[in-house]
N, C-alpha and C. Protein backbone atom coordinates (compact mmCIF):
# COMPACT_ATOMS: atom_id res chain seq x y z
N MET A 1 82.98 104.77 105.17
CA MET A 1 83.09 104.79 106.63
C MET A 1 84.48 104.28 107.00
N PRO A 2 85.21 105.01 107.85
CA PRO A 2 86.54 104.54 108.23
C PRO A 2 86.46 103.37 109.20
N ALA A 3 87.50 102.55 109.17
CA ALA A 3 87.54 101.41 110.09
C ALA A 3 87.95 101.80 111.49
N GLU A 4 87.35 101.16 112.41
CA GLU A 4 87.79 101.38 113.85
C GLU A 4 88.65 100.18 114.24
N ILE A 5 89.82 100.43 114.78
CA ILE A 5 90.68 99.30 115.17
C ILE A 5 90.61 99.15 116.67
N LEU A 6 90.33 97.92 117.06
CA LEU A 6 90.27 97.59 118.48
C LEU A 6 91.52 96.67 118.79
N ARG A 7 92.28 97.06 119.81
CA ARG A 7 93.40 96.24 120.17
C ARG A 7 92.94 95.19 121.19
N ILE A 8 93.29 93.93 120.88
CA ILE A 8 92.89 92.84 121.73
C ILE A 8 94.09 91.97 122.06
N ASN A 9 94.32 91.76 123.35
CA ASN A 9 95.38 90.85 123.84
C ASN A 9 94.94 89.45 123.69
N ALA A 10 95.53 88.68 122.80
CA ALA A 10 95.12 87.28 122.54
C ALA A 10 95.19 86.39 123.79
N GLN A 11 96.15 86.68 124.68
CA GLN A 11 96.32 85.81 125.90
C GLN A 11 95.35 86.27 126.99
N SER A 12 94.90 87.49 126.96
CA SER A 12 94.00 87.97 128.01
C SER A 12 93.05 89.03 127.44
N PRO A 13 92.09 88.64 126.60
CA PRO A 13 91.23 89.65 125.94
C PRO A 13 90.37 90.35 126.94
N SER A 14 90.21 91.63 126.69
CA SER A 14 89.36 92.46 127.51
C SER A 14 87.87 92.13 127.21
N VAL A 15 87.19 91.88 128.31
CA VAL A 15 85.71 91.56 128.17
C VAL A 15 85.00 92.73 127.52
N ASP A 16 85.39 93.94 127.93
CA ASP A 16 84.72 95.14 127.41
C ASP A 16 84.94 95.26 125.90
N VAL A 17 86.12 94.99 125.44
CA VAL A 17 86.39 95.07 123.99
C VAL A 17 85.62 94.03 123.19
N LEU A 18 85.63 92.84 123.76
CA LEU A 18 84.85 91.77 123.10
C LEU A 18 83.31 92.02 123.10
N ARG A 19 82.86 92.60 124.15
CA ARG A 19 81.45 92.96 124.28
C ARG A 19 81.12 94.05 123.20
N TYR A 20 82.03 95.00 123.08
CA TYR A 20 81.89 96.08 122.13
C TYR A 20 81.78 95.56 120.73
N ALA A 21 82.73 94.63 120.33
CA ALA A 21 82.69 94.00 119.05
C ALA A 21 81.44 93.18 118.82
N ALA A 22 80.99 92.48 119.78
CA ALA A 22 79.76 91.70 119.70
C ALA A 22 78.50 92.60 119.48
N GLU A 23 78.57 93.80 120.17
CA GLU A 23 77.42 94.74 119.92
C GLU A 23 77.43 95.26 118.51
N ARG A 24 78.64 95.48 117.95
CA ARG A 24 78.67 95.92 116.52
C ARG A 24 78.07 94.88 115.63
N LEU A 25 78.36 93.59 115.89
CA LEU A 25 77.72 92.53 115.09
C LEU A 25 76.19 92.51 115.28
N LEU A 26 75.72 92.66 116.49
CA LEU A 26 74.31 92.70 116.79
C LEU A 26 73.58 93.89 116.09
N HIS A 27 74.34 94.95 115.84
CA HIS A 27 73.78 96.11 115.12
C HIS A 27 73.96 96.03 113.64
N GLY A 28 74.31 94.87 113.12
CA GLY A 28 74.39 94.71 111.66
C GLY A 28 75.68 95.19 111.01
N GLU A 29 76.68 95.43 111.81
CA GLU A 29 77.98 95.89 111.28
C GLU A 29 78.85 94.67 110.97
N VAL A 30 79.89 94.94 110.19
CA VAL A 30 80.90 93.96 109.82
C VAL A 30 82.12 94.16 110.69
N VAL A 31 82.71 93.05 111.22
CA VAL A 31 83.86 93.16 112.10
C VAL A 31 84.93 92.23 111.47
N ALA A 32 86.13 92.69 111.43
CA ALA A 32 87.28 91.81 111.04
C ALA A 32 87.80 91.08 112.23
N ILE A 33 88.05 89.83 112.08
CA ILE A 33 88.46 88.98 113.21
C ILE A 33 89.70 88.14 112.76
N PRO A 34 90.59 87.91 113.70
CA PRO A 34 91.76 87.04 113.33
C PRO A 34 91.27 85.57 113.47
N THR A 35 91.76 84.73 112.54
CA THR A 35 91.54 83.28 112.62
C THR A 35 92.94 82.70 112.86
N ASP A 36 93.08 81.40 112.80
CA ASP A 36 94.39 80.79 112.96
C ASP A 36 95.26 81.06 111.81
N THR A 37 94.74 81.45 110.67
CA THR A 37 95.65 81.67 109.47
C THR A 37 95.55 83.04 108.84
N VAL A 38 94.34 83.66 108.85
CA VAL A 38 94.13 84.98 108.24
C VAL A 38 93.13 85.83 109.04
N TYR A 39 92.93 87.05 108.60
CA TYR A 39 91.81 87.83 109.18
C TYR A 39 90.61 87.56 108.30
N GLY A 40 89.46 87.50 108.92
CA GLY A 40 88.21 87.28 108.16
C GLY A 40 87.23 88.33 108.56
N LEU A 41 86.23 88.52 107.73
CA LEU A 41 85.13 89.41 108.01
C LEU A 41 83.99 88.65 108.62
N ALA A 42 83.45 89.20 109.69
CA ALA A 42 82.37 88.55 110.37
C ALA A 42 81.14 89.40 110.39
N ALA A 43 79.97 88.78 110.21
CA ALA A 43 78.73 89.49 110.31
C ALA A 43 77.64 88.48 110.66
N ASP A 44 76.52 88.95 111.13
CA ASP A 44 75.35 88.11 111.43
C ASP A 44 74.84 87.54 110.07
N PRO A 45 74.90 86.24 109.87
CA PRO A 45 74.50 85.67 108.60
C PRO A 45 72.96 85.79 108.33
N PHE A 46 72.19 86.15 109.39
CA PHE A 46 70.75 86.28 109.22
C PHE A 46 70.37 87.73 108.92
N ASN A 47 71.34 88.63 108.93
CA ASN A 47 71.17 90.07 108.66
C ASN A 47 71.58 90.35 107.22
N LEU A 48 70.61 90.43 106.32
CA LEU A 48 70.98 90.51 104.97
C LEU A 48 71.73 91.74 104.56
N SER A 49 71.51 92.88 105.24
CA SER A 49 72.30 94.04 104.91
C SER A 49 73.72 93.86 105.36
N ALA A 50 73.98 93.17 106.46
CA ALA A 50 75.35 92.91 106.89
C ALA A 50 76.08 91.90 105.96
N VAL A 51 75.30 90.97 105.48
CA VAL A 51 75.81 89.99 104.49
C VAL A 51 76.20 90.70 103.20
N GLU A 52 75.32 91.61 102.76
CA GLU A 52 75.58 92.36 101.49
C GLU A 52 76.83 93.21 101.70
N GLU A 53 77.01 93.79 102.95
CA GLU A 53 78.19 94.53 103.19
C GLU A 53 79.45 93.75 103.07
N ILE A 54 79.44 92.53 103.49
CA ILE A 54 80.62 91.68 103.35
C ILE A 54 80.97 91.45 101.85
N TYR A 55 79.87 91.18 101.09
CA TYR A 55 80.12 91.03 99.62
C TYR A 55 80.69 92.33 99.05
N ARG A 56 80.17 93.47 99.44
CA ARG A 56 80.61 94.74 98.90
C ARG A 56 82.07 95.01 99.29
N VAL A 57 82.42 94.92 100.57
CA VAL A 57 83.72 95.21 101.06
C VAL A 57 84.79 94.30 100.40
N LYS A 58 84.46 93.03 100.26
CA LYS A 58 85.41 92.11 99.76
C LYS A 58 85.44 92.14 98.19
N GLY A 59 84.39 92.71 97.55
CA GLY A 59 84.28 92.63 96.17
C GLY A 59 84.02 91.19 95.71
N ARG A 60 83.33 90.48 96.49
CA ARG A 60 83.10 89.00 96.32
C ARG A 60 81.90 88.87 95.37
N PRO A 61 82.04 88.01 94.38
CA PRO A 61 80.95 87.75 93.46
C PRO A 61 79.79 87.12 94.19
N ASP A 62 78.54 87.50 93.79
CA ASP A 62 77.35 86.97 94.39
C ASP A 62 77.25 85.47 94.26
N GLU A 63 77.90 84.88 93.27
CA GLU A 63 77.82 83.46 93.05
C GLU A 63 78.70 82.57 93.97
N ARG A 64 79.43 83.20 94.85
CA ARG A 64 80.28 82.53 95.77
C ARG A 64 79.72 82.63 97.22
N ALA A 65 79.37 81.46 97.72
CA ALA A 65 78.82 81.37 99.06
C ALA A 65 79.86 81.88 100.10
N LEU A 66 79.29 82.38 101.23
CA LEU A 66 80.17 82.75 102.30
C LEU A 66 80.41 81.62 103.28
N PRO A 67 81.63 81.47 103.79
CA PRO A 67 81.87 80.42 104.77
C PRO A 67 81.23 80.85 106.12
N ILE A 68 80.74 79.91 106.89
CA ILE A 68 80.20 80.13 108.17
C ILE A 68 81.07 79.56 109.22
N LEU A 69 81.54 80.32 110.13
CA LEU A 69 82.32 79.83 111.27
C LEU A 69 81.39 79.59 112.46
N VAL A 70 81.50 78.54 113.10
CA VAL A 70 80.59 78.24 114.22
C VAL A 70 81.37 78.14 115.53
N ASN A 71 80.66 78.33 116.64
CA ASN A 71 81.38 78.33 117.95
C ASN A 71 81.10 77.07 118.77
N SER A 72 80.33 76.18 118.19
CA SER A 72 80.02 74.91 118.92
C SER A 72 79.56 73.82 117.98
N LEU A 73 79.62 72.60 118.42
CA LEU A 73 79.07 71.51 117.64
C LEU A 73 77.55 71.66 117.49
N ASP A 74 76.91 72.17 118.51
CA ASP A 74 75.46 72.36 118.45
C ASP A 74 75.12 73.40 117.37
N GLN A 75 75.85 74.46 117.30
CA GLN A 75 75.58 75.45 116.32
C GLN A 75 75.88 74.91 114.91
N ALA A 76 76.90 74.11 114.73
CA ALA A 76 77.21 73.49 113.49
C ALA A 76 76.03 72.64 113.05
N MET A 77 75.46 71.84 113.93
CA MET A 77 74.36 70.94 113.60
C MET A 77 73.14 71.79 113.23
N LEU A 78 72.93 72.88 113.91
CA LEU A 78 71.77 73.72 113.67
C LEU A 78 71.80 74.35 112.25
N LEU A 79 73.03 74.68 111.79
CA LEU A 79 73.22 75.41 110.54
C LEU A 79 73.53 74.48 109.37
N SER A 80 73.59 73.19 109.64
CA SER A 80 73.95 72.19 108.61
C SER A 80 72.76 71.35 108.23
N ARG A 81 72.85 70.76 107.06
CA ARG A 81 71.81 69.90 106.53
C ARG A 81 72.48 68.53 106.33
N GLU A 82 71.94 67.46 106.93
CA GLU A 82 72.40 66.10 106.72
C GLU A 82 73.93 65.99 106.72
N VAL A 83 74.50 66.08 107.90
CA VAL A 83 75.91 65.97 107.98
C VAL A 83 76.40 64.53 107.64
N PRO A 84 77.59 64.42 107.07
CA PRO A 84 78.11 63.13 106.74
C PRO A 84 78.35 62.27 108.02
N ARG A 85 78.48 60.96 107.82
CA ARG A 85 78.64 60.05 109.01
C ARG A 85 79.82 60.44 109.85
N ASN A 86 80.94 60.76 109.24
CA ASN A 86 82.16 61.05 110.02
C ASN A 86 82.23 62.43 110.65
N PHE A 87 81.24 63.27 110.34
CA PHE A 87 81.29 64.68 110.80
C PHE A 87 81.39 64.75 112.34
N LEU A 88 80.49 64.06 113.00
CA LEU A 88 80.46 64.16 114.49
C LEU A 88 81.80 63.62 115.10
N ARG A 89 82.26 62.49 114.57
CA ARG A 89 83.48 61.92 115.12
C ARG A 89 84.65 62.85 114.92
N LEU A 90 84.74 63.44 113.68
CA LEU A 90 85.89 64.37 113.46
C LEU A 90 85.77 65.66 114.25
N ALA A 91 84.58 66.20 114.30
CA ALA A 91 84.41 67.45 115.10
C ALA A 91 84.70 67.21 116.61
N GLU A 92 84.18 66.13 117.12
CA GLU A 92 84.44 65.84 118.57
C GLU A 92 85.94 65.57 118.80
N GLU A 93 86.60 65.00 117.86
CA GLU A 93 88.03 64.70 118.05
C GLU A 93 88.91 65.86 117.86
N PHE A 94 88.62 66.80 116.90
CA PHE A 94 89.60 67.81 116.55
C PHE A 94 89.20 69.24 116.79
N TRP A 95 87.89 69.52 117.17
CA TRP A 95 87.47 70.89 117.53
C TRP A 95 87.63 71.09 118.97
N SER A 96 87.94 72.12 119.54
CA SER A 96 88.27 73.30 118.74
C SER A 96 89.68 73.20 118.28
N GLY A 97 89.88 73.51 117.04
CA GLY A 97 91.23 73.41 116.42
C GLY A 97 91.13 73.79 114.94
N ALA A 98 92.19 73.61 114.30
CA ALA A 98 92.35 74.01 112.85
C ALA A 98 91.86 73.02 111.86
N LEU A 99 90.66 72.52 112.17
CA LEU A 99 90.05 71.57 111.22
C LEU A 99 88.76 72.17 110.57
N THR A 100 88.79 72.23 109.30
CA THR A 100 87.60 72.76 108.60
C THR A 100 86.76 71.60 108.08
N LEU A 101 85.52 71.64 108.36
CA LEU A 101 84.59 70.62 107.86
C LEU A 101 83.56 71.38 106.99
N VAL A 102 83.39 70.93 105.76
CA VAL A 102 82.49 71.57 104.83
C VAL A 102 81.27 70.72 104.68
N VAL A 103 80.08 71.32 104.93
CA VAL A 103 78.83 70.56 104.84
C VAL A 103 77.78 71.40 104.09
N ASP A 104 76.72 70.78 103.70
CA ASP A 104 75.61 71.53 103.17
C ASP A 104 74.91 72.41 104.12
N ALA A 105 74.52 73.57 103.76
CA ALA A 105 73.90 74.53 104.66
C ALA A 105 72.45 74.18 104.95
N SER A 106 72.00 74.48 106.14
CA SER A 106 70.64 74.32 106.46
C SER A 106 69.75 75.29 105.69
N HIS A 107 68.52 74.97 105.53
CA HIS A 107 67.55 75.86 104.87
C HIS A 107 67.27 77.06 105.70
N ARG A 108 67.72 77.08 106.95
CA ARG A 108 67.55 78.22 107.88
C ARG A 108 68.36 79.43 107.39
N LEU A 109 69.53 79.16 106.76
CA LEU A 109 70.40 80.26 106.31
C LEU A 109 69.81 80.95 105.10
N PRO A 110 69.90 82.22 105.04
CA PRO A 110 69.41 82.99 103.88
C PRO A 110 70.13 82.61 102.63
N LEU A 111 69.45 82.57 101.46
CA LEU A 111 70.00 82.17 100.24
C LEU A 111 71.14 83.07 99.79
N LYS A 112 71.13 84.32 100.26
CA LYS A 112 72.23 85.23 99.91
C LYS A 112 73.56 84.69 100.49
N VAL A 113 73.54 84.16 101.69
CA VAL A 113 74.73 83.62 102.31
C VAL A 113 75.30 82.38 101.55
N THR A 114 74.39 81.59 101.05
CA THR A 114 74.76 80.33 100.34
C THR A 114 74.88 80.50 98.86
N ALA A 115 74.81 81.76 98.41
CA ALA A 115 74.87 82.00 96.94
C ALA A 115 73.79 81.31 96.19
N ASN A 116 72.61 81.28 96.77
CA ASN A 116 71.43 80.59 96.16
C ASN A 116 71.58 79.14 95.91
N THR A 117 72.40 78.46 96.72
CA THR A 117 72.61 77.02 96.58
C THR A 117 71.88 76.29 97.73
């Protein structure tokens, strides 16, 4: 399937284009998104066919878990298991921003996403 390229103005993104990309995610498709350093592939982590598509497209080994990007501290807490003591302090101090915090995944996430860990 050929890729569809959507042009997005970073300073003033079009609501229609963002809504269109969000609809693609809701329909189980994979979307490439810019991060502060690279482009990443995004999919609904609860949609196993979408997760499988990320592994296929990237040629990623099944033994490597997928990173999960979150949009809020609440979402991070929902998708994490027993966060370390400093997690909340660091997240509140530096998010949103270029700080990556790695935590154990909640049992809510499918095992495919966490590489059965």
